[in-house]
N, C-alpha and C. Protein backbone atom coordinates (compact mmCIF):
# COMPACT_ATOMS: atom_id res chain seq x y z
N MET A 1 48.22 -44.54 98.38
CA MET A 1 49.23 -44.63 99.10
C MET A 1 48.32 -45.85 100.11
N ALA A 2 47.03 -45.72 100.13
CA ALA A 2 46.29 -47.22 100.65
C ALA A 2 46.68 -48.39 100.10
N LEU A 3 46.83 -48.21 99.11
CA LEU A 3 47.19 -49.32 98.16
C LEU A 3 48.73 -50.40 98.58
N LYS A 4 49.63 -48.97 98.43
CA LYS A 4 51.07 -49.46 98.90
C LYS A 4 51.03 -49.64 100.09
N LYS A 5 50.15 -49.13 101.22
CA LYS A 5 50.12 -49.64 102.73
C LYS A 5 49.73 -51.14 102.75
N PHE A 6 48.62 -51.29 101.81
CA PHE A 6 47.94 -52.82 101.82
C PHE A 6 49.07 -53.94 101.49
N ILE A 7 49.35 -53.72 100.26
CA ILE A 7 50.53 -54.52 99.72
C ILE A 7 51.91 -54.91 100.54
N ILE A 8 52.12 -53.80 101.20
CA ILE A 8 52.99 -53.50 102.84
C ILE A 8 52.75 -54.79 103.47
N GLY A 9 51.43 -54.38 104.08
CA GLY A 9 51.10 -55.12 105.07
C GLY A 9 50.90 -56.47 105.17
N ILE A 10 50.10 -56.93 103.51
CA ILE A 10 50.10 -58.48 103.20
C ILE A 10 51.09 -58.90 103.20
N ALA A 11 52.57 -58.10 102.65
CA ALA A 11 53.49 -58.95 102.45
C ALA A 11 54.21 -59.48 104.00
N ALA A 12 54.18 -58.50 104.72
CA ALA A 12 54.71 -58.56 106.25
C ALA A 12 54.01 -59.60 106.59
N VAL A 13 52.63 -59.88 107.05
CA VAL A 13 51.80 -60.75 107.78
C VAL A 13 52.09 -62.12 106.78
N THR A 14 52.36 -62.30 105.61
CA THR A 14 52.61 -63.23 104.89
C THR A 14 54.12 -64.02 105.03
N ALA A 15 54.96 -62.91 105.19
CA ALA A 15 56.44 -63.37 105.57
C ALA A 15 56.39 -63.95 106.85
N ILE A 16 55.80 -63.37 108.04
CA ILE A 16 55.74 -63.73 109.55
C ILE A 16 54.53 -65.13 109.52
N MET A 17 54.25 -65.11 108.34
CA MET A 17 52.88 -66.33 108.73
C MET A 17 53.54 -67.80 107.97
N THR A 18 54.62 -67.39 106.82
CA THR A 18 55.44 -68.32 106.34
C THR A 18 56.46 -68.86 107.27
N VAL A 19 57.04 -68.29 107.95
CA VAL A 19 57.95 -68.29 108.72
C VAL A 19 57.43 -69.62 110.39
N LEU A 20 55.95 -69.03 110.52
CA LEU A 20 55.34 -69.83 111.76
C LEU A 20 54.83 -71.12 111.19
N ALA A 21 54.34 -71.49 109.85
CA ALA A 21 54.34 -72.66 109.31
C ALA A 21 55.25 -72.94 109.07
N ILE A 22 56.29 -73.13 108.87
CA ILE A 22 57.79 -74.07 108.47
C ILE A 22 58.30 -74.47 110.37
N ILE A 23 57.61 -73.63 111.08
CA ILE A 23 57.96 -73.75 112.94
C ILE A 23 57.02 -74.91 113.07
N PHE A 24 55.96 -74.67 112.52
CA PHE A 24 54.31 -75.64 113.00
C PHE A 24 54.91 -76.96 112.35
N GLN A 25 55.49 -77.40 111.41
CA GLN A 25 56.05 -78.87 110.56
C GLN A 25 56.55 -79.30 111.80
N SER A 26 57.30 -78.46 112.23
CA SER A 26 58.53 -79.11 113.72
C SER A 26 58.28 -79.24 114.79
N SER A 27 56.87 -78.90 115.20
CA SER A 27 56.53 -78.13 116.60
C SER A 27 55.86 -80.01 117.13
N THR A 28 56.11 -80.22 118.31
CA THR A 28 56.08 -81.59 119.26
C THR A 28 54.17 -81.13 119.65
N ASN A 29 53.72 -80.05 119.96
CA ASN A 29 52.67 -80.06 119.64
C ASN A 29 51.73 -78.54 119.17
N PRO A 30 51.67 -78.35 117.96
CA PRO A 30 51.52 -77.70 117.31
C PRO A 30 50.04 -77.43 117.46
N LYS A 31 49.17 -78.23 117.62
CA LYS A 31 47.33 -77.88 117.75
C LYS A 31 47.27 -76.80 118.80
N ALA A 32 48.21 -76.54 119.88
CA ALA A 32 47.94 -75.93 120.66
C ALA A 32 47.89 -74.06 120.38
N TRP A 33 48.40 -74.04 119.48
CA TRP A 33 48.52 -72.25 118.98
C TRP A 33 48.46 -72.52 117.53
N TRP A 34 48.33 -73.26 116.59
CA TRP A 34 48.10 -73.33 115.43
C TRP A 34 46.69 -72.67 114.77
N PRO A 35 45.63 -73.42 115.47
CA PRO A 35 44.35 -72.93 114.83
C PRO A 35 44.35 -71.56 115.35
N ALA A 36 44.68 -70.97 116.64
CA ALA A 36 44.46 -69.43 116.96
C ALA A 36 45.12 -68.99 115.42
N THR A 37 46.12 -69.05 115.12
CA THR A 37 47.25 -68.38 115.03
C THR A 37 46.80 -68.55 113.19
N VAL A 38 45.79 -69.33 112.49
CA VAL A 38 45.42 -69.38 111.20
C VAL A 38 44.15 -68.46 111.18
N PHE A 39 43.31 -68.62 112.26
CA PHE A 39 42.21 -67.58 112.55
C PHE A 39 43.02 -66.10 112.53
N VAL A 40 43.90 -65.61 113.37
CA VAL A 40 44.10 -64.23 113.20
C VAL A 40 45.06 -63.75 111.74
N TYR A 41 45.45 -64.91 110.93
CA TYR A 41 45.82 -64.73 109.23
C TYR A 41 44.73 -64.57 108.56
N THR A 42 43.64 -65.25 108.87
CA THR A 42 42.80 -65.26 107.58
C THR A 42 41.52 -63.84 107.93
N ILE A 43 41.67 -62.94 108.96
CA ILE A 43 41.40 -61.69 109.21
C ILE A 43 42.09 -61.00 109.42
N SER A 44 43.46 -61.26 109.01
CA SER A 44 44.51 -60.10 108.88
C SER A 44 44.37 -59.03 107.74
N PRO A 45 43.70 -59.60 106.49
CA PRO A 45 43.30 -58.25 105.05
C PRO A 45 42.49 -57.68 105.77
N LEU A 46 41.39 -57.75 106.30
CA LEU A 46 40.84 -56.99 107.43
C LEU A 46 41.27 -55.94 108.16
N LEU A 47 42.22 -56.44 108.79
CA LEU A 47 42.79 -55.46 109.99
C LEU A 47 43.89 -54.52 109.04
N ILE A 48 44.48 -55.06 107.76
CA ILE A 48 45.22 -53.87 106.87
C ILE A 48 44.47 -52.71 105.79
N VAL A 49 43.53 -53.45 105.86
CA VAL A 49 42.67 -52.70 105.13
C VAL A 49 42.13 -51.58 106.32
N SER A 50 41.36 -51.92 107.05
CA SER A 50 41.51 -50.74 108.44
C SER A 50 42.58 -49.86 108.63
N GLY A 51 43.55 -50.23 108.87
CA GLY A 51 44.94 -49.34 108.61
C GLY A 51 45.22 -48.88 107.63
N ALA A 52 44.59 -49.32 106.07
CA ALA A 52 45.21 -48.76 105.34
C ALA A 52 44.54 -47.78 104.66
N GLU A 53 43.30 -47.63 105.09
CA GLU A 53 42.19 -46.70 105.22
C GLU A 53 42.03 -45.72 106.12
N LEU A 54 42.50 -46.10 107.40
CA LEU A 54 42.62 -45.43 108.43
C LEU A 54 41.17 -45.50 109.05
N LYS A 55 40.73 -46.43 109.25
CA LYS A 55 39.06 -46.40 109.47
C LYS A 55 38.93 -47.89 110.34
N PRO A 56 38.19 -47.74 111.33
CA PRO A 56 37.83 -48.70 112.13
C PRO A 56 37.54 -49.71 111.29
N ALA A 57 37.61 -51.08 111.90
CA ALA A 57 37.55 -52.41 111.59
C ALA A 57 36.01 -52.50 111.16
N THR A 58 35.60 -51.79 112.30
CA THR A 58 33.66 -52.05 112.12
C THR A 58 33.16 -51.00 110.77
N ASP A 59 33.44 -49.84 110.63
CA ASP A 59 33.36 -49.10 109.55
C ASP A 59 33.84 -49.91 108.39
N VAL A 60 34.50 -50.64 108.25
CA VAL A 60 35.25 -51.14 106.69
C VAL A 60 34.47 -52.51 106.35
N LEU A 61 33.70 -53.35 107.37
CA LEU A 61 32.99 -54.02 107.73
C LEU A 61 31.62 -53.48 107.02
N LYS A 62 30.89 -52.51 107.70
CA LYS A 62 29.76 -51.88 107.08
C LYS A 62 30.25 -51.33 105.96
N GLU A 63 30.82 -51.23 105.24
CA GLU A 63 31.33 -50.41 103.86
C GLU A 63 31.59 -51.44 103.05
N TYR A 64 32.20 -52.43 103.31
CA TYR A 64 32.41 -53.51 102.04
C TYR A 64 31.08 -54.57 101.96
N LEU A 65 30.99 -54.96 103.06
CA LEU A 65 30.01 -56.16 103.08
C LEU A 65 28.23 -55.16 103.09
N SER A 66 27.63 -55.96 101.97
CA SER A 66 25.97 -55.73 102.10
C SER A 66 25.76 -56.43 101.68
N PHE A 67 24.36 -56.82 101.37
CA PHE A 67 23.52 -57.62 100.95
C PHE A 67 22.69 -57.40 99.73
N LYS A 68 22.95 -55.77 99.05
CA LYS A 68 22.22 -55.10 98.26
C LYS A 68 22.78 -55.57 96.99
N ASN A 69 22.00 -55.56 95.95
CA ASN A 69 22.50 -55.69 94.46
C ASN A 69 22.80 -57.09 94.34
N ILE A 70 22.60 -58.47 94.86
CA ILE A 70 23.17 -59.29 94.97
C ILE A 70 22.48 -60.61 94.11
N ASP A 71 23.13 -60.92 93.10
CA ASP A 71 22.34 -61.89 92.12
C ASP A 71 22.30 -63.23 92.93
N TRP A 72 21.28 -63.52 93.86
CA TRP A 72 21.20 -64.93 94.44
C TRP A 72 20.84 -65.81 93.38
N LYS A 73 20.72 -65.75 92.04
CA LYS A 73 20.43 -66.52 91.20
C LYS A 73 21.91 -67.72 91.23
N ASN A 74 22.68 -66.54 90.60
CA ASN A 74 24.10 -66.93 90.42
C ASN A 74 24.94 -67.85 91.83
N THR A 75 24.99 -66.39 92.42
CA THR A 75 25.14 -66.95 93.99
C THR A 75 24.82 -68.32 94.63
N ILE A 76 23.70 -69.02 94.45
CA ILE A 76 23.21 -70.23 94.77
C ILE A 76 23.90 -71.21 93.26
N LEU A 77 23.94 -70.96 92.34
CA LEU A 77 24.25 -71.90 91.18
C LEU A 77 26.21 -72.09 91.82
N LEU A 78 26.56 -70.66 91.95
CA LEU A 78 27.84 -71.07 92.43
C LEU A 78 28.50 -72.15 93.19
N ILE A 79 27.85 -71.81 94.52
CA ILE A 79 27.90 -72.65 95.60
C ILE A 79 27.43 -73.85 95.51
N VAL A 80 26.48 -74.40 94.36
CA VAL A 80 26.08 -75.86 94.46
C VAL A 80 27.34 -76.37 93.59
N GLY A 81 27.33 -75.17 92.40
CA GLY A 81 28.82 -75.81 91.45
C GLY A 81 29.80 -76.10 92.02
N THR A 82 30.23 -75.50 92.95
CA THR A 82 31.69 -75.65 93.78
C THR A 82 31.59 -76.71 94.72
N ALA A 83 30.19 -77.02 94.98
CA ALA A 83 30.10 -77.89 95.94
C ALA A 83 30.38 -79.52 95.24
N ILE A 84 29.89 -79.64 94.05
CA ILE A 84 30.21 -80.79 93.23
C ILE A 84 31.40 -81.04 92.80
N LEU A 85 31.83 -79.76 92.18
CA LEU A 85 33.00 -79.77 91.29
C LEU A 85 34.44 -79.81 92.25
N PHE A 86 34.40 -79.55 93.46
CA PHE A 86 35.75 -79.80 94.30
C PHE A 86 35.65 -81.15 94.96
N PRO A 87 34.80 -82.11 95.34
CA PRO A 87 35.22 -83.53 95.59
C PRO A 87 34.72 -84.30 94.08
N LEU A 88 34.59 -84.03 92.92
CA LEU A 88 34.60 -84.18 91.98
C LEU A 88 35.82 -84.23 91.48
N ILE A 89 36.54 -82.84 91.45
CA ILE A 89 38.20 -82.75 91.05
C ILE A 89 38.44 -83.60 91.58
N LYS A 90 38.91 -83.98 92.87
CA LYS A 90 39.73 -84.28 94.05
C LYS A 90 39.33 -86.07 93.84
N LEU A 91 38.03 -86.63 93.58
CA LEU A 91 38.38 -87.89 93.43
C LEU A 91 38.77 -88.30 92.06
N ALA A 92 38.67 -87.58 91.02
CA ALA A 92 39.20 -87.47 89.78
C ALA A 92 40.90 -87.20 89.68
N ALA A 93 41.55 -86.53 90.69
CA ALA A 93 42.90 -86.40 90.66
C ALA A 93 43.42 -87.84 91.25
N ILE A 94 42.50 -88.41 92.13
CA ILE A 94 43.16 -89.32 92.99
C ILE A 94 43.37 -90.56 92.21
N TYR A 95 42.21 -90.59 91.22
CA TYR A 95 41.56 -91.95 90.70
C TYR A 95 42.98 -92.17 89.32
N LEU A 96 43.45 -91.12 88.60
CA LEU A 96 44.23 -90.65 87.64
C LEU A 96 45.45 -91.25 88.14
N ALA A 97 45.90 -90.06 89.46
CA ALA A 97 47.31 -90.56 89.94
C ALA A 97 47.35 -92.02 90.16
N GLY A 98 46.58 -92.22 91.38
CA GLY A 98 47.29 -93.18 92.17
C GLY A 98 46.63 -94.76 91.20
N ASN A 99 45.54 -94.71 90.60
CA ASN A 99 44.77 -95.87 90.33
C ASN A 99 45.42 -95.69 88.72
N THR A 100 45.37 -94.85 88.04
CA THR A 100 46.05 -94.68 86.29
C THR A 100 47.79 -94.80 86.28
N ALA A 101 48.26 -94.06 86.87
CA ALA A 101 49.30 -93.64 86.87
C ALA A 101 50.56 -94.64 88.10
N GLY A 102 49.48 -94.94 88.92
CA GLY A 102 50.33 -95.67 89.55
C GLY A 102 51.24 -95.02 91.06
N ILE A 103 50.84 -93.78 91.00
CA ILE A 103 52.07 -93.09 92.07
C ILE A 103 51.34 -93.29 93.45
N ASN A 104 51.83 -93.76 94.44
CA ASN A 104 51.55 -94.44 95.19
C ASN A 104 50.86 -93.39 96.31
N ILE A 105 51.71 -92.32 96.52
CA ILE A 105 51.37 -91.04 97.30
C ILE A 105 50.51 -90.45 97.47
N PHE A 106 49.49 -90.86 96.32
CA PHE A 106 48.03 -89.97 96.09
C PHE A 106 47.15 -90.99 96.46
N GLY A 107 47.57 -92.52 96.70
CA GLY A 107 46.34 -93.26 97.22
C GLY A 107 45.89 -94.00 96.00
N LYS A 108 44.65 -94.48 96.60
CA LYS A 108 43.98 -95.22 95.35
C LYS A 108 42.16 -95.34 95.58
N ILE A 109 41.72 -95.37 94.74
CA ILE A 109 40.14 -95.19 94.96
C ILE A 109 39.50 -96.70 94.53
N THR A 110 39.30 -97.98 95.06
CA THR A 110 38.69 -99.04 95.31
C THR A 110 37.67 -99.27 95.09
N GLY A 111 36.37 -98.18 95.97
CA GLY A 111 35.01 -98.47 95.82
C GLY A 111 34.60 -99.05 97.13
N THR A 112 35.89 -99.54 98.01
CA THR A 112 35.65 -100.08 98.97
C THR A 112 36.44 -99.66 100.16
N GLY A 113 36.29 -99.61 101.55
CA GLY A 113 37.36 -99.05 102.33
C GLY A 113 36.87 -97.80 103.07
N THR A 114 37.99 -97.17 103.75
CA THR A 114 37.38 -96.17 104.50
C THR A 114 37.83 -95.05 104.37
N TYR A 115 37.39 -93.80 103.35
CA TYR A 115 37.63 -92.81 103.01
C TYR A 115 36.95 -91.54 103.77
N GLY A 116 38.12 -90.29 103.60
CA GLY A 116 37.87 -88.92 104.62
C GLY A 116 36.87 -88.36 103.92
N VAL A 117 36.03 -87.72 104.81
CA VAL A 117 35.03 -86.79 104.44
C VAL A 117 34.91 -85.42 104.36
N PHE A 118 35.47 -84.78 103.29
CA PHE A 118 36.11 -83.42 103.28
C PHE A 118 36.89 -82.90 104.21
N ASP A 119 38.09 -84.45 104.57
CA ASP A 119 39.47 -84.30 105.34
C ASP A 119 38.94 -83.76 106.73
N LEU A 120 37.62 -83.84 107.55
CA LEU A 120 37.38 -83.55 108.48
C LEU A 120 37.04 -84.94 109.61
N PHE A 121 36.27 -85.87 108.74
CA PHE A 121 35.80 -87.18 109.28
C PHE A 121 35.73 -88.39 108.51
N SER A 122 36.07 -89.72 108.80
CA SER A 122 36.17 -90.74 108.10
C SER A 122 34.81 -91.78 108.30
N ILE A 123 34.61 -92.36 106.75
CA ILE A 123 33.01 -93.43 106.97
C ILE A 123 33.81 -94.55 106.26
N ASN A 124 33.08 -95.38 107.10
CA ASN A 124 33.63 -96.74 105.89
C ASN A 124 32.53 -97.36 105.09
N THR A 125 32.92 -97.13 103.62
CA THR A 125 32.37 -97.35 102.56
C THR A 125 31.99 -98.68 101.92
N ALA A 126 32.88 -99.44 102.71
CA ALA A 126 33.12 -100.62 102.26
C ALA A 126 31.58 -101.80 101.58
N ALA A 127 30.09 -101.38 101.88
CA ALA A 127 29.02 -101.57 101.93
C ALA A 127 27.80 -101.00 101.60
N ASN A 128 28.90 -99.51 101.14
CA ASN A 128 27.57 -98.57 100.96
C ASN A 128 27.79 -97.80 99.74
N GLY A 129 28.77 -97.97 98.48
CA GLY A 129 28.46 -97.62 97.44
C GLY A 129 30.35 -96.67 97.13
N GLY A 130 30.89 -97.33 98.03
CA GLY A 130 32.35 -96.88 97.46
C GLY A 130 32.59 -95.09 97.36
N ALA A 131 33.11 -95.00 96.73
CA ALA A 131 33.52 -93.69 96.35
C ALA A 131 32.17 -92.77 95.91
N PHE A 132 31.20 -93.53 95.23
CA PHE A 132 30.15 -92.68 94.81
C PHE A 132 29.80 -92.18 96.50
N LEU A 133 29.48 -92.68 97.31
CA LEU A 133 28.70 -92.15 98.45
C LEU A 133 29.70 -91.07 99.36
N LEU A 134 31.17 -91.79 98.73
CA LEU A 134 32.39 -90.40 99.63
C LEU A 134 32.13 -89.00 99.05
N PHE A 135 31.81 -89.11 97.51
CA PHE A 135 31.42 -88.04 96.72
C PHE A 135 30.04 -87.56 96.96
N LEU A 136 29.04 -88.05 97.48
CA LEU A 136 27.91 -87.74 97.85
C LEU A 136 27.61 -87.16 99.25
N LEU A 137 28.89 -87.57 99.98
CA LEU A 137 28.62 -86.99 101.47
C LEU A 137 29.70 -85.76 101.50
N ASN A 138 30.50 -85.64 100.55
CA ASN A 138 31.34 -84.15 100.17
C ASN A 138 30.14 -83.16 100.32
N ILE A 139 29.72 -83.59 98.87
CA ILE A 139 28.68 -82.47 98.42
C ILE A 139 27.80 -82.19 99.39
N ALA A 140 27.29 -83.45 100.60
CA ALA A 140 26.22 -82.38 101.39
C ALA A 140 27.26 -81.62 102.45
N PHE A 141 27.96 -82.36 103.13
CA PHE A 141 28.90 -81.72 103.97
C PHE A 141 29.32 -79.95 103.15
N ALA A 142 29.84 -79.70 102.22
CA ALA A 142 30.46 -78.66 101.58
C ALA A 142 29.11 -77.44 101.57
N LEU A 143 27.94 -78.08 101.34
CA LEU A 143 26.49 -77.24 101.00
C LEU A 143 26.34 -76.77 102.42
N VAL A 144 26.73 -77.49 103.61
CA VAL A 144 26.10 -77.21 105.12
C VAL A 144 27.17 -76.40 105.61
N ALA A 145 27.91 -77.80 106.41
CA ALA A 145 29.42 -76.93 106.89
C ALA A 145 30.41 -76.13 106.45
N GLY A 146 30.93 -76.68 105.30
CA GLY A 146 31.40 -76.26 104.44
C GLY A 146 30.86 -74.57 104.21
N THR A 147 29.79 -74.27 103.57
CA THR A 147 29.27 -73.08 103.31
C THR A 147 29.71 -71.97 104.62
N ILE A 148 28.95 -72.34 105.72
CA ILE A 148 28.97 -72.23 106.62
C ILE A 148 30.33 -71.35 107.22
N THR A 149 31.30 -72.44 107.59
CA THR A 149 32.62 -72.42 107.91
C THR A 149 33.50 -71.44 106.86
N GLY A 150 32.81 -71.27 105.53
CA GLY A 150 33.83 -70.15 104.59
C GLY A 150 33.34 -69.04 104.89
N ILE A 151 32.21 -69.04 104.61
CA ILE A 151 31.55 -67.60 105.07
C ILE A 151 32.42 -66.76 106.59
N LEU A 152 32.32 -67.82 107.40
CA LEU A 152 32.81 -67.12 109.19
C LEU A 152 34.55 -66.89 108.89
N GLY A 153 34.85 -68.24 108.16
CA GLY A 153 36.16 -68.02 108.32
C GLY A 153 37.18 -67.20 107.22
N ASN A 154 36.49 -67.19 106.09
CA ASN A 154 37.00 -66.04 104.96
C ASN A 154 36.33 -64.56 104.85
N ILE A 155 35.47 -64.51 105.55
CA ILE A 155 35.09 -62.94 105.32
C ILE A 155 35.43 -61.76 105.82
N GLY A 156 36.84 -61.97 106.23
CA GLY A 156 37.63 -61.22 106.71
C GLY A 156 38.62 -60.96 105.49
N SER A 157 39.37 -62.24 105.09
CA SER A 157 40.11 -62.06 104.01
C SER A 157 39.18 -61.41 102.72
N GLU A 158 37.81 -61.85 102.40
CA GLU A 158 37.65 -61.63 101.03
C GLU A 158 37.40 -59.94 101.02
N ILE A 159 37.33 -59.31 102.49
CA ILE A 159 37.06 -58.03 101.76
C ILE A 159 38.56 -57.23 100.91
N GLY A 160 39.85 -57.85 101.48
CA GLY A 160 40.58 -57.52 101.25
C GLY A 160 40.71 -57.52 99.09
N TRP A 161 40.42 -59.27 98.82
CA TRP A 161 40.45 -59.39 97.18
C TRP A 161 39.32 -59.08 96.75
N ARG A 162 38.11 -58.84 97.33
CA ARG A 162 36.79 -58.90 96.36
C ARG A 162 36.27 -57.02 96.35
N GLY A 163 36.95 -56.58 98.13
CA GLY A 163 36.31 -55.35 98.03
C GLY A 163 37.49 -54.17 97.82
N PHE A 164 38.56 -54.43 98.50
CA PHE A 164 39.36 -53.21 98.36
C PHE A 164 40.37 -53.39 97.50
N LEU A 165 40.91 -54.40 96.87
CA LEU A 165 42.01 -54.41 96.02
C LEU A 165 41.23 -54.10 94.26
N PRO A 166 40.14 -54.45 94.55
CA PRO A 166 39.27 -53.99 92.80
C PRO A 166 38.89 -52.76 93.01
N ARG A 167 38.98 -52.06 94.31
CA ARG A 167 38.84 -50.53 94.13
C ARG A 167 39.87 -49.58 93.98
N TYR A 168 40.77 -50.29 94.72
CA TYR A 168 42.18 -49.33 94.56
C TYR A 168 42.78 -49.64 93.16
N LEU A 169 42.86 -50.81 92.63
CA LEU A 169 44.02 -51.19 91.68
C LEU A 169 43.34 -50.40 90.52
N PRO A 170 44.31 -49.88 89.52
CA PRO A 170 43.76 -49.35 88.20
C PRO A 170 43.26 -50.53 87.33
N GLU A 171 41.86 -49.69 86.70
CA GLU A 171 40.49 -50.03 85.71
C GLU A 171 41.83 -50.32 84.59
N ASN A 172 41.39 -52.11 84.65
CA ASN A 172 42.10 -52.48 83.30
C ASN A 172 41.69 -54.16 83.45
N ARG A 173 40.52 -54.64 82.56
CA ARG A 173 39.93 -55.88 82.65
C ARG A 173 40.80 -56.79 82.60
N TRP A 174 42.08 -56.83 82.27
CA TRP A 174 43.00 -57.87 81.91
C TRP A 174 43.81 -57.99 83.31
N THR A 175 44.65 -56.66 83.63
CA THR A 175 45.36 -56.80 84.51
C THR A 175 45.07 -56.89 85.81
N LYS A 176 43.79 -56.29 86.44
CA LYS A 176 42.99 -56.20 87.53
C LYS A 176 43.09 -57.64 88.14
N PRO A 177 42.52 -58.50 87.13
CA PRO A 177 42.17 -59.84 87.48
C PRO A 177 43.47 -60.45 88.15
N LEU A 178 44.27 -60.26 87.21
CA LEU A 178 45.60 -60.85 87.03
C LEU A 178 46.65 -60.45 88.50
N ALA A 179 46.24 -59.13 88.76
CA ALA A 179 47.11 -58.94 90.15
C ALA A 179 46.59 -59.19 91.24
N VAL A 180 45.01 -59.02 91.55
CA VAL A 180 44.72 -59.64 92.39
C VAL A 180 44.54 -61.15 92.79
N ALA A 181 44.42 -61.86 91.81
CA ALA A 181 44.97 -63.30 91.66
C ALA A 181 46.26 -63.48 92.29
N ILE A 182 47.18 -63.14 91.88
CA ILE A 182 48.94 -63.31 92.07
C ILE A 182 49.04 -62.82 93.70
N ILE A 183 48.77 -61.27 94.18
CA ILE A 183 48.21 -61.00 95.69
C ILE A 183 47.64 -62.03 96.45
N TRP A 184 46.34 -62.15 96.04
CA TRP A 184 45.91 -63.51 96.91
C TRP A 184 46.88 -64.85 97.29
N THR A 185 47.42 -65.27 95.69
CA THR A 185 48.04 -66.72 95.81
C THR A 185 49.46 -66.62 96.87
N VAL A 186 49.95 -65.45 96.36
CA VAL A 186 51.09 -65.31 97.31
C VAL A 186 50.56 -65.43 99.31
N TRP A 187 49.87 -64.76 99.39
CA TRP A 187 49.20 -64.79 100.69
C TRP A 187 48.73 -65.85 101.12
N SER A 188 48.08 -67.01 100.22
CA SER A 188 47.87 -68.12 100.54
C SER A 188 49.34 -69.24 100.55
N ILE A 189 50.24 -68.71 100.67
CA ILE A 189 51.82 -69.62 100.41
C ILE A 189 51.76 -70.16 101.92
N PRO A 190 51.57 -69.47 102.93
CA PRO A 190 51.67 -70.39 103.97
C PRO A 190 50.75 -71.46 104.17
N PHE A 191 49.58 -71.36 103.84
CA PHE A 191 48.62 -72.70 103.80
C PHE A 191 49.34 -73.81 103.03
N CYS A 192 50.35 -73.65 102.15
CA CYS A 192 50.75 -75.07 101.45
C CYS A 192 51.96 -75.13 102.05
N ILE A 193 52.54 -74.60 102.99
CA ILE A 193 53.77 -75.29 103.54
C ILE A 193 53.85 -76.80 104.04
N GLY A 194 52.31 -76.98 104.89
CA GLY A 194 52.65 -78.55 105.48
C GLY A 194 52.52 -79.37 104.12
N PRO A 195 50.99 -79.19 103.26
CA PRO A 195 50.83 -80.38 102.37
C PRO A 195 52.24 -80.03 101.18
N LEU A 196 53.05 -79.32 101.14
CA LEU A 196 54.59 -79.28 100.33
C LEU A 196 55.52 -80.34 101.14
N MET A 197 55.43 -79.74 102.51
CA MET A 197 56.73 -80.83 103.06
C MET A 197 55.93 -82.00 103.25
N ALA A 198 54.82 -82.43 103.81
CA ALA A 198 54.57 -83.77 103.43
C ALA A 198 54.78 -84.52 102.12
N PHE A 199 54.38 -83.74 101.16
CA PHE A 199 54.58 -84.47 99.46
C PHE A 199 55.97 -84.62 99.52
N GLN A 200 56.83 -83.23 99.58
CA GLN A 200 58.35 -83.91 99.89
C GLN A 200 58.77 -85.06 100.31
N ALA A 201 58.16 -84.99 101.86
CA ALA A 201 58.55 -86.80 102.59
C ALA A 201 57.96 -87.66 102.17
N ALA A 202 57.19 -87.67 101.41
CA ALA A 202 56.55 -88.79 100.94
C ALA A 202 57.22 -89.11 99.64
N LEU A 203 57.86 -88.17 98.94
CA LEU A 203 58.53 -88.27 97.53
C LEU A 203 59.86 -89.27 97.63
N CYS A 204 60.57 -88.50 99.25
CA CYS A 204 61.81 -89.21 99.36
C CYS A 204 61.68 -90.51 99.94
N SER A 205 60.83 -91.25 100.20
CA SER A 205 60.60 -92.02 101.23
C SER A 205 59.83 -93.42 100.49
N ASN A 206 59.68 -92.86 98.89
CA ASN A 206 59.63 -93.79 98.09
C ASN A 206 60.99 -94.11 96.94
């Protein structure tokens, strides 16, 4: 019963957020309300788990969040590996699509110019190593600000994917991870609306 409530709750907030994301794209002043809406959405799995299990959110946090039995070595390796691979894959994708395939909407890596660092601020790399400097800055930013904002921003949602669902889904080494992945992917659809619409606009303009 708790699993059914959770699935219904996730489906409902995802549908609402998808509509809001589409409206956001045509809004003349979206910055006034969009960040707060995204914040509420990211903690919605915590609130849905609270409703599904009929427990206060504080009790859910205490139950699912624990620093006991953590493999810190693997955790650190995972964080560092992600910080390195994310910008590397991003730069490789831009280089292959923009430089090699010549797809204009992906842009190009020339080794000089101004590049965005983790999509939050920019730096002129013309005389400082170009794309390689960008790569190092992305790693440094991910390890510090990226880790902090990731923990604070996703702590509510991860209770759903790594806590509630593994506990309530039928035990199967193949179907359980797949089911969690599908539910999480569907829940992430609203975050893809903006980039998808921008991608379509760029295609139509070429």
